[in-house]
N, C-alpha and C. Protein backbone atom coordinates (compact mmCIF):
# COMPACT_ATOMS: atom_id res chain seq x y z
N MET A 1 33.64 -56.69 -4.41
CA MET A 1 32.68 -56.78 -3.73
C MET A 1 31.29 -56.36 -3.92
N ASN A 2 30.41 -57.67 -3.29
CA ASN A 2 28.98 -56.86 -3.35
C ASN A 2 28.61 -56.92 -2.09
N LYS A 3 27.21 -55.71 -1.97
CA LYS A 3 26.93 -55.22 -0.72
C LYS A 3 25.14 -56.27 -0.97
N TYR A 4 24.85 -56.21 0.23
CA TYR A 4 23.56 -57.06 0.74
C TYR A 4 23.36 -56.65 2.02
N ILE A 5 21.85 -56.59 1.51
CA ILE A 5 21.17 -56.49 3.06
C ILE A 5 20.26 -57.26 3.64
N PHE A 6 20.50 -57.46 5.31
CA PHE A 6 19.76 -58.23 6.15
C PHE A 6 18.91 -58.30 6.69
N LEU A 7 17.72 -58.50 6.30
CA LEU A 7 16.07 -58.77 7.12
C LEU A 7 15.60 -59.82 7.84
N THR A 8 14.69 -59.59 8.30
CA THR A 8 13.91 -60.71 9.24
C THR A 8 12.27 -60.30 9.02
N LYS A 9 11.23 -61.39 9.38
CA LYS A 9 10.26 -61.29 9.19
C LYS A 9 9.97 -61.06 10.82
N GLU A 10 10.74 -61.44 11.73
CA GLU A 10 10.69 -61.61 12.93
C GLU A 10 10.41 -60.22 13.77
N GLY A 11 9.12 -59.88 14.35
CA GLY A 11 9.32 -59.01 15.49
C GLY A 11 8.18 -57.97 14.98
N TYR A 12 7.33 -57.19 15.82
CA TYR A 12 6.46 -56.69 15.60
C TYR A 12 6.72 -55.03 15.90
N THR A 13 5.80 -54.14 15.69
CA THR A 13 5.88 -52.91 15.86
C THR A 13 4.56 -52.42 16.48
N PHE A 14 4.22 -51.14 17.42
CA PHE A 14 3.55 -50.37 17.89
C PHE A 14 3.50 -49.44 17.08
N GLN A 15 2.58 -48.77 16.88
CA GLN A 15 2.40 -47.12 16.42
C GLN A 15 2.42 -46.43 17.07
N PRO A 16 2.97 -44.95 17.02
CA PRO A 16 3.07 -44.14 18.15
C PRO A 16 1.91 -43.74 18.69
N GLY A 17 1.99 -44.00 20.05
CA GLY A 17 0.97 -43.28 20.79
C GLY A 17 0.21 -44.47 20.93
N SER A 18 0.14 -46.38 20.96
CA SER A 18 -0.33 -46.76 20.87
C SER A 18 -0.12 -47.40 22.28
N GLU A 19 -1.63 -47.84 23.00
CA GLU A 19 -1.27 -48.02 24.76
C GLU A 19 -2.09 -49.50 24.43
N SER A 20 -1.56 -49.98 23.79
CA SER A 20 -2.45 -51.75 23.24
C SER A 20 -0.48 -52.49 23.67
N ILE A 21 -1.39 -54.12 24.66
CA ILE A 21 -0.26 -54.38 25.08
C ILE A 21 0.19 -55.25 23.72
N GLU A 22 -0.95 -55.32 22.52
CA GLU A 22 -0.75 -56.18 21.22
C GLU A 22 0.17 -54.90 20.45
N PRO A 23 0.94 -56.35 19.51
CA PRO A 23 1.39 -54.87 18.62
C PRO A 23 0.54 -54.81 17.40
N ASP A 24 1.04 -53.49 16.61
CA ASP A 24 -0.35 -52.91 15.98
C ASP A 24 -0.22 -53.83 14.48
N ILE A 25 1.29 -53.89 14.09
CA ILE A 25 2.02 -54.35 12.94
C ILE A 25 2.60 -55.41 12.99
N GLU A 26 2.72 -56.51 12.05
CA GLU A 26 3.62 -57.42 11.68
C GLU A 26 4.62 -56.72 10.27
N ASN A 27 6.15 -56.61 10.89
CA ASN A 27 6.82 -55.73 9.83
C ASN A 27 8.22 -56.74 9.82
N MET A 28 8.49 -56.10 8.96
CA MET A 28 10.70 -56.47 9.05
C MET A 28 10.94 -55.57 9.41
N GLN A 29 12.30 -56.26 9.94
CA GLN A 29 13.17 -55.63 10.55
C GLN A 29 14.56 -55.67 9.76
N VAL A 30 15.56 -54.56 9.74
CA VAL A 30 16.58 -54.87 9.13
C VAL A 30 17.46 -55.12 10.20
N ILE A 31 18.63 -56.01 9.61
CA ILE A 31 19.48 -56.30 10.48
C ILE A 31 20.58 -55.87 10.29
N GLY A 32 20.79 -55.67 8.83
CA GLY A 32 22.25 -54.72 8.45
C GLY A 32 22.62 -54.83 7.30
N ILE A 33 23.57 -54.09 6.80
CA ILE A 33 24.09 -54.34 5.37
C ILE A 33 25.67 -54.55 5.48
N ALA A 34 25.81 -55.15 4.43
CA ALA A 34 27.22 -55.80 4.81
C ALA A 34 27.94 -55.80 3.37
N GLU A 35 29.26 -56.44 3.51
CA GLU A 35 29.96 -56.67 1.74
C GLU A 35 30.01 -57.85 1.65
N GLY A 36 30.63 -58.48 1.20
CA GLY A 36 31.16 -60.17 0.28
C GLY A 36 31.04 -59.93 -0.81
N LYS A 37 31.79 -61.25 -0.79
CA LYS A 37 31.71 -61.67 -2.49
C LYS A 37 30.60 -62.38 -2.86
N ASP A 38 30.09 -63.38 -1.71
CA ASP A 38 28.90 -63.58 -2.12
C ASP A 38 27.68 -63.65 -0.84
N SER A 39 26.34 -63.75 -0.90
CA SER A 39 25.45 -63.37 0.81
C SER A 39 26.08 -63.89 1.61
N ASP A 40 26.46 -65.59 1.29
CA ASP A 40 27.69 -66.33 2.68
C ASP A 40 28.29 -65.15 3.25
N ASP A 41 29.17 -64.92 2.41
CA ASP A 41 29.95 -63.81 2.82
C ASP A 41 29.93 -62.94 3.67
N ALA A 42 28.97 -61.60 3.09
CA ALA A 42 28.74 -60.54 3.61
C ALA A 42 27.76 -61.17 4.46
N PHE A 43 27.51 -62.61 5.10
CA PHE A 43 26.73 -62.48 6.63
C PHE A 43 27.58 -62.54 7.27
N ASP A 44 28.54 -63.52 7.17
CA ASP A 44 29.61 -63.70 8.07
C ASP A 44 30.23 -62.83 8.64
N ASN A 45 30.37 -61.43 7.64
CA ASN A 45 31.12 -60.31 8.04
C ASN A 45 30.46 -59.28 8.92
N LEU A 46 29.12 -58.73 8.39
CA LEU A 46 28.25 -58.91 8.75
C LEU A 46 28.12 -59.23 10.72
N ILE A 47 27.99 -60.80 10.77
CA ILE A 47 27.37 -60.89 12.64
C ILE A 47 29.81 -60.92 12.98
N LYS A 48 30.73 -60.81 12.30
CA LYS A 48 31.70 -60.55 12.56
C LYS A 48 32.09 -58.99 13.03
N GLN A 49 31.39 -58.26 12.47
CA GLN A 49 31.14 -56.82 12.58
C GLN A 49 30.53 -56.26 13.32
N ASN A 50 29.19 -57.67 13.69
CA ASN A 50 27.81 -56.41 14.67
C ASN A 50 27.55 -58.01 15.64
N SER A 51 28.66 -58.09 16.54
CA SER A 51 28.76 -59.69 17.60
C SER A 51 27.63 -59.82 18.62
N TYR A 52 26.81 -58.92 18.46
CA TYR A 52 25.97 -58.09 19.32
C TYR A 52 24.36 -59.08 18.93
N LEU A 53 24.40 -59.52 17.50
CA LEU A 53 23.30 -59.95 16.93
C LEU A 53 23.30 -61.72 17.26
N LYS A 54 24.22 -62.08 17.70
CA LYS A 54 24.40 -63.48 18.62
C LYS A 54 23.43 -63.18 19.71
N ASN A 55 23.26 -62.06 20.11
CA ASN A 55 22.50 -61.86 21.38
C ASN A 55 21.23 -62.14 21.35
N THR A 56 20.95 -61.77 20.27
CA THR A 56 18.79 -60.76 19.70
C THR A 56 18.03 -62.88 19.68
N SER A 57 17.02 -62.60 19.81
CA SER A 57 16.54 -63.88 19.51
C SER A 57 15.94 -63.81 17.84
N PHE A 58 16.50 -62.77 17.33
CA PHE A 58 16.03 -63.20 16.03
C PHE A 58 17.07 -64.71 15.01
N ASN A 59 16.39 -64.83 14.17
CA ASN A 59 16.55 -66.88 13.51
C ASN A 59 16.33 -66.48 12.31
N GLU A 60 15.67 -66.25 12.06
CA GLU A 60 15.06 -66.69 10.26
C GLU A 60 16.22 -65.24 9.42
N VAL A 61 16.68 -65.09 8.58
CA VAL A 61 17.00 -64.12 8.08
C VAL A 61 17.68 -63.74 6.93
N PHE A 62 16.78 -63.01 6.22
CA PHE A 62 16.96 -62.90 4.53
C PHE A 62 17.82 -62.12 3.92
N SER A 63 18.30 -62.10 2.73
CA SER A 63 19.18 -61.17 1.99
C SER A 63 18.30 -60.62 0.45
N TYR A 64 18.88 -59.75 0.24
CA TYR A 64 19.00 -59.45 -0.68
C TYR A 64 20.54 -58.81 -1.34
N LYS A 65 20.61 -58.66 -2.77
CA LYS A 65 21.99 -58.37 -3.40
C LYS A 65 21.51 -56.98 -3.43
N LEU A 66 22.24 -56.12 -3.26
CA LEU A 66 21.89 -54.44 -3.05
C LEU A 66 22.01 -53.88 -4.86
N ASP A 67 22.14 -54.07 -6.26
CA ASP A 67 21.99 -54.06 -7.34
C ASP A 67 20.70 -53.92 -8.13
N SER A 68 20.43 -53.41 -8.92
CA SER A 68 19.00 -53.58 -10.19
C SER A 68 18.51 -54.51 -10.10
N LYS A 69 18.95 -56.14 -9.75
CA LYS A 69 17.97 -57.32 -9.52
C LYS A 69 18.15 -57.39 -8.45
N VAL A 70 18.07 -56.60 -7.77
CA VAL A 70 17.55 -57.02 -5.94
C VAL A 70 16.41 -57.60 -6.06
N GLY A 71 15.22 -57.92 -6.37
CA GLY A 71 14.51 -59.20 -6.47
C GLY A 71 14.88 -60.07 -6.27
N THR A 72 15.38 -60.27 -7.44
CA THR A 72 16.12 -61.82 -7.58
C THR A 72 16.64 -62.55 -6.85
N THR A 73 17.54 -61.74 -5.94
CA THR A 73 18.56 -62.31 -5.39
C THR A 73 18.21 -63.24 -3.68
N LYS A 74 17.14 -62.78 -3.26
CA LYS A 74 17.00 -63.49 -2.06
C LYS A 74 17.36 -64.94 -1.41
N LYS A 75 18.15 -64.82 -0.35
CA LYS A 75 18.73 -65.79 0.51
C LYS A 75 18.13 -65.86 2.16
N TYR A 76 18.33 -67.05 2.25
CA TYR A 76 17.87 -67.04 3.78
C TYR A 76 19.07 -67.46 4.59
N HIS A 77 19.11 -67.40 6.03
CA HIS A 77 20.29 -67.59 6.57
C HIS A 77 19.65 -67.38 8.38
N SER A 78 20.38 -67.91 9.02
CA SER A 78 19.80 -68.13 10.39
C SER A 78 21.18 -67.82 11.40
N ILE A 79 20.40 -67.02 12.53
CA ILE A 79 21.30 -66.85 13.63
C ILE A 79 21.41 -67.62 14.13
N VAL A 80 22.84 -68.28 14.59
CA VAL A 80 22.81 -69.20 15.63
C VAL A 80 23.71 -68.75 16.58
């Protein structure tokens, strides 16, 4: 089994103490970490183990395999 981290670029962050109604920072959100034989299998396991993700507004999710080649294993997914 391989381990993958799932992220999304959807979402914004406010700095601590911010009083702005506009988000301060565009960032990435960690959706979760899961194991599987490949990225798709790990994503299925992530959704099975965290069914609340189906109720979020996140749609475009991508993954990285957590190993020494992490920068070359990016793959996109969609929460439907």
